[in-house]
């Protein structure tokens, strides 16, 4: 059984201003992608995956400097 498409629901509380920023980011994604309707979950997934890649690169660079 593949867990790649398995989803979990996150219930989180964020500041109203942060939610407004997310709406702006979703709107930006909507205007700059050619895949049709963009959902908040997809945008958050993309942001988290990209942030994770950056974090892993930084961890590698930190290890190399020692």
C-alpha atoms as a PDB file:
ATOM      1  CA  UNK A   1       0.000   0.000   0.000  1.00  0.00           C
ATOM      2  CA  UNK A   2       1.440   3.359  -1.071  1.00  0.00           C
ATOM      3  CA  UNK A   3       1.371   6.242   1.397  1.00  0.00           C
ATOM      4  CA  UNK A   4       2.289   8.777  -1.293  1.00  0.00           C
ATOM      5  CA  UNK A   5      -1.334   9.778  -1.926  1.00  0.00           C
ATOM      6  CA  UNK A   6      -2.496   9.231   1.634  1.00  0.00           C
ATOM      7  CA  UNK A   7      -3.643  12.459   3.228  1.00  0.00           C
ATOM      8  CA  UNK A   8      -4.073  13.646   6.789  1.00  0.00           C
ATOM      9  CA  UNK A   9      -6.147  16.562   7.943  1.00  0.00           C
ATOM     10  CA  UNK A  10      -4.463  19.283   9.959  1.00  0.00           C
ATOM     11  CA  UNK A  11      -6.538  21.468  12.198  1.00  0.00           C
ATOM     12  CA  UNK A  12      -4.494  24.480  13.205  1.00  0.00           C
ATOM     13  CA  UNK A  13      -5.120  27.966  14.487  1.00  0.00           C
ATOM     14  CA  UNK A  14      -3.200  30.788  12.893  1.00  0.00           C
ATOM     15  CA  UNK A  15      -3.345  34.542  13.217  1.00  0.00           C
ATOM     16  CA  UNK A  16      -5.887  36.266  10.994  1.00  0.00           C
ATOM     17  CA  UNK A  17      -3.095  38.191   9.291  1.00  0.00           C
ATOM     18  CA  UNK A  18      -1.307  34.923   8.458  1.00  0.00           C
ATOM     19  CA  UNK A  19      -4.511  33.533   6.955  1.00  0.00           C
ATOM     20  CA  UNK A  20      -4.773  36.660   4.808  1.00  0.00           C
ATOM     21  CA  UNK A  21      -1.182  36.160   3.651  1.00  0.00           C
ATOM     22  CA  UNK A  22      -2.028  32.564   2.731  1.00  0.00           C
ATOM     23  CA  UNK A  23      -4.996  33.808   0.702  1.00  0.00           C
ATOM     24  CA  UNK A  24      -2.647  36.157  -1.175  1.00  0.00           C
ATOM     25  CA  UNK A  25      -0.189  33.335  -1.855  1.00  0.00           C
ATOM     26  CA  UNK A  26      -2.995  31.059  -3.088  1.00  0.00           C
ATOM     27  CA  UNK A  27      -4.199  33.833  -5.374  1.00  0.00           C
ATOM     28  CA  UNK A  28      -0.646  34.253  -6.698  1.00  0.00           C
ATOM     29  CA  UNK A  29      -0.382  30.512  -7.365  1.00  0.00           C
ATOM     30  CA  UNK A  30      -3.792  30.614  -9.069  1.00  0.00           C
ATOM     31  CA  UNK A  31      -2.716  33.423 -11.382  1.00  0.00           C
ATOM     32  CA  UNK A  32       0.693  31.915 -12.188  1.00  0.00           C
ATOM     33  CA  UNK A  33      -0.066  28.238 -12.757  1.00  0.00           C
ATOM     34  CA  UNK A  34      -1.778  26.565 -15.661  1.00  0.00           C
ATOM     35  CA  UNK A  35      -3.366  23.686 -13.772  1.00  0.00           C
ATOM     36  CA  UNK A  36      -6.798  25.160 -13.081  1.00  0.00           C
ATOM     37  CA  UNK A  37      -8.174  25.651  -9.586  1.00  0.00           C
ATOM     38  CA  UNK A  38      -5.530  25.844  -6.854  1.00  0.00           C
ATOM     39  CA  UNK A  39      -6.387  24.854  -3.286  1.00  0.00           C
ATOM     40  CA  UNK A  40      -4.848  26.011  -0.005  1.00  0.00           C
ATOM     41  CA  UNK A  41      -3.753  22.471   0.821  1.00  0.00           C
ATOM     42  CA  UNK A  42      -1.835  22.206  -2.444  1.00  0.00           C
ATOM     43  CA  UNK A  43      -0.138  25.555  -1.860  1.00  0.00           C
ATOM     44  CA  UNK A  44       0.806  24.629   1.708  1.00  0.00           C
ATOM     45  CA  UNK A  45       2.150  21.268   0.495  1.00  0.00           C
ATOM     46  CA  UNK A  46       4.292  23.022  -2.124  1.00  0.00           C
ATOM     47  CA  UNK A  47       5.614  25.555   0.388  1.00  0.00           C
ATOM     48  CA  UNK A  48       6.423  22.869   2.962  1.00  0.00           C
ATOM     49  CA  UNK A  49       8.170  20.632   0.404  1.00  0.00           C
ATOM     50  CA  UNK A  50      10.260  23.540  -0.911  1.00  0.00           C
ATOM     51  CA  UNK A  51      11.130  24.679   2.614  1.00  0.00           C
ATOM     52  CA  UNK A  52      12.157  21.139   3.524  1.00  0.00           C
ATOM     53  CA  UNK A  53      14.498  20.942   0.513  1.00  0.00           C
ATOM     54  CA  UNK A  54      16.099  24.245   1.517  1.00  0.00           C
ATOM     55  CA  UNK A  55      16.471  23.023   5.102  1.00  0.00           C
ATOM     56  CA  UNK A  56      18.151  19.793   3.963  1.00  0.00           C
ATOM     57  CA  UNK A  57      20.606  21.739   1.773  1.00  0.00           C
ATOM     58  CA  UNK A  58      21.444  24.046   4.681  1.00  0.00           C
ATOM     59  CA  UNK A  59      22.014  21.060   6.957  1.00  0.00           C
ATOM     60  CA  UNK A  60      24.400  19.555   4.414  1.00  0.00           C
ATOM     61  CA  UNK A  61      26.302  22.829   4.083  1.00  0.00           C
ATOM     62  CA  UNK A  62      26.567  23.125   7.864  1.00  0.00           C
ATOM     63  CA  UNK A  63      28.015  19.609   8.114  1.00  0.00           C
ATOM     64  CA  UNK A  64      30.575  20.354   5.395  1.00  0.00           C
ATOM     65  CA  UNK A  65      31.873  23.401   7.250  1.00  0.00           C
ATOM     66  CA  UNK A  66      32.976  21.334  10.247  1.00  0.00           C
END
